[in-house]
Protein backbone atom coordinates (compact mmCIF):
# COMPACT_ATOMS: atom_id res chain seq x y z
CA MET A 1 -8.18 -13.90 -11.80
CA TYR A 2 -5.59 -13.73 -14.55
CA HIS A 3 -4.46 -16.99 -16.15
CA LEU A 4 -0.95 -17.23 -17.58
CA GLY A 5 -0.75 -20.79 -18.80
CA ARG A 6 -1.46 -22.76 -15.67
CA ILE A 7 -0.57 -19.90 -13.31
CA ALA A 8 -3.22 -17.59 -11.90
CA GLU A 9 -2.61 -14.52 -9.79
CA THR A 10 -5.50 -13.33 -7.71
CA THR A 11 -5.96 -10.04 -5.91
CA GLY A 12 -9.53 -10.76 -4.94
CA ASP A 13 -12.76 -11.95 -6.52
CA ALA A 14 -12.62 -11.80 -10.33
CA GLY A 15 -16.02 -10.10 -10.21
CA ALA A 16 -14.43 -7.08 -8.56
CA TYR A 17 -12.74 -6.28 -11.87
CA ALA A 18 -16.13 -6.04 -13.54
CA GLY A 19 -17.07 -3.08 -11.34
CA ARG A 20 -18.41 -5.06 -8.41
CA SER A 21 -16.69 -4.76 -5.04
CA GLU A 22 -17.89 -7.91 -3.28
CA GLY A 23 -15.04 -10.23 -2.43
CA HIS A 24 -12.42 -7.57 -3.12
CA VAL A 25 -9.29 -8.00 -1.01
CA ARG A 26 -6.79 -5.16 -0.60
CA ARG A 27 -3.16 -6.29 -0.71
CA THR A 28 0.13 -4.56 -0.18
CA LEU A 29 2.26 -4.01 -3.27
CA PHE A 30 4.75 -6.70 -2.26
CA GLY A 31 2.25 -9.05 -0.63
CA PRO A 32 0.51 -10.82 -3.50
CA ARG A 33 -1.46 -14.03 -3.51
CA VAL A 34 -0.30 -16.41 -6.22
CA THR A 35 -2.28 -19.48 -7.20
CA ILE A 36 -0.91 -22.22 -9.43
CA VAL A 37 -3.52 -24.43 -11.07
CA THR A 38 -2.18 -27.92 -11.76
CA ARG A 39 -3.18 -30.06 -14.73
CA ASP A 40 -5.37 -32.16 -12.48
CA GLY A 41 -7.28 -29.05 -11.37
CA ARG A 42 -5.75 -28.53 -7.93
CA HIS A 43 -5.17 -24.93 -6.81
CA LEU A 44 -1.95 -24.33 -4.86
CA THR A 45 -1.92 -20.88 -3.24
CA LYS A 46 0.78 -18.94 -1.43
CA GLU A 47 0.20 -15.47 -0.01
CA GLY A 48 2.85 -12.93 0.97
CA THR A 49 2.54 -10.38 3.74
CA GLY A 50 4.80 -7.78 2.16
CA ARG A 51 7.33 -8.12 4.96
CA GLU A 52 9.35 -10.82 3.18
CA PHE A 53 11.40 -8.17 1.37
CA ILE A 54 12.19 -5.90 4.30
CA TRP A 55 15.85 -6.12 5.24
CA ASP A 56 18.76 -3.86 6.07
CA PHE A 57 21.66 -2.82 3.83
CA GLU A 58 23.96 -5.59 5.03
CA GLU A 59 21.40 -8.26 4.19
CA HIS A 60 20.86 -6.70 0.76
CA ALA A 61 24.64 -6.64 0.14
CA ARG A 62 24.84 -10.30 1.18
CA ARG A 63 22.00 -11.28 -1.15
CA ILE A 64 23.36 -9.38 -4.17
CA HIS A 65 26.95 -10.61 -3.77
CA PRO A 66 26.46 -13.83 -5.82
CA VAL A 67 25.91 -11.77 -9.01
CA ALA A 68 29.43 -10.25 -8.81
CA PRO A 69 31.17 -12.90 -10.97
CA GLY A 70 28.76 -12.21 -13.87
CA LEU A 71 29.25 -8.44 -13.93
CA ALA A 72 31.36 -6.48 -16.42
CA ILE A 73 33.39 -5.03 -13.54
CA PRO A 74 35.92 -6.98 -11.45
CA GLU A 75 34.70 -8.39 -8.13
CA THR A 76 37.04 -6.02 -6.27
CA GLN A 77 35.42 -3.06 -8.02
CA PHE A 78 31.97 -4.44 -7.17
CA ALA A 79 33.04 -4.70 -3.52
CA GLU A 80 34.15 -1.06 -3.70
CA LEU A 81 30.78 -0.12 -5.19
CA ILE A 82 28.96 -1.83 -2.32
CA ASP A 83 31.23 -0.15 0.23
CA THR A 84 30.64 3.24 -1.40
CA CYS A 85 26.88 2.69 -1.17
CA ARG A 86 27.31 1.71 2.47
CA ASN A 87 29.06 5.04 3.20
CA LEU A 88 27.26 7.45 0.86
CA ASP A 89 26.55 9.99 3.58
CA ARG A 90 30.27 10.34 4.30
CA ILE A 91 31.64 10.60 0.76
CA ASP A 92 32.20 13.90 -1.06
CA GLY A 93 31.26 13.62 -4.72
CA ALA A 94 29.35 10.40 -4.06
CA ALA A 95 27.40 10.46 -7.36
CA ALA A 96 30.56 10.74 -9.47
CA ARG A 97 32.20 8.01 -7.38
CA LEU A 98 29.24 5.66 -7.85
CA ILE A 99 29.17 6.24 -11.60
CA SER A 100 32.91 5.64 -11.92
CA LEU A 101 32.56 2.34 -10.05
CA THR A 102 29.99 1.05 -12.55
CA ILE A 103 32.36 1.51 -15.52
CA PRO A 104 34.64 -1.44 -16.29
CA ALA A 105 38.27 -0.63 -15.45
């Protein structure tokens, strides 16, 4: 168990890190267990399955869209970048096109 202030992340029994395997729990890379220890000593735990971050391109594009206003490129150029990514397999010179779309106009 690692303590970061009042936050502890557990991937199994702390003894497993000392060379012992009892209590060891295997987890997927994106399915951690996170435990927050409150000042009054309570342990609040949430565990991921790893499937929370599996989505298609359209969902990813929808989720990333809110960052557009804070980018160094105009929102229209960002939309072009997303569209280019969406159609990579049909674009000649895709790498050069992607790079050009990341440079402020």
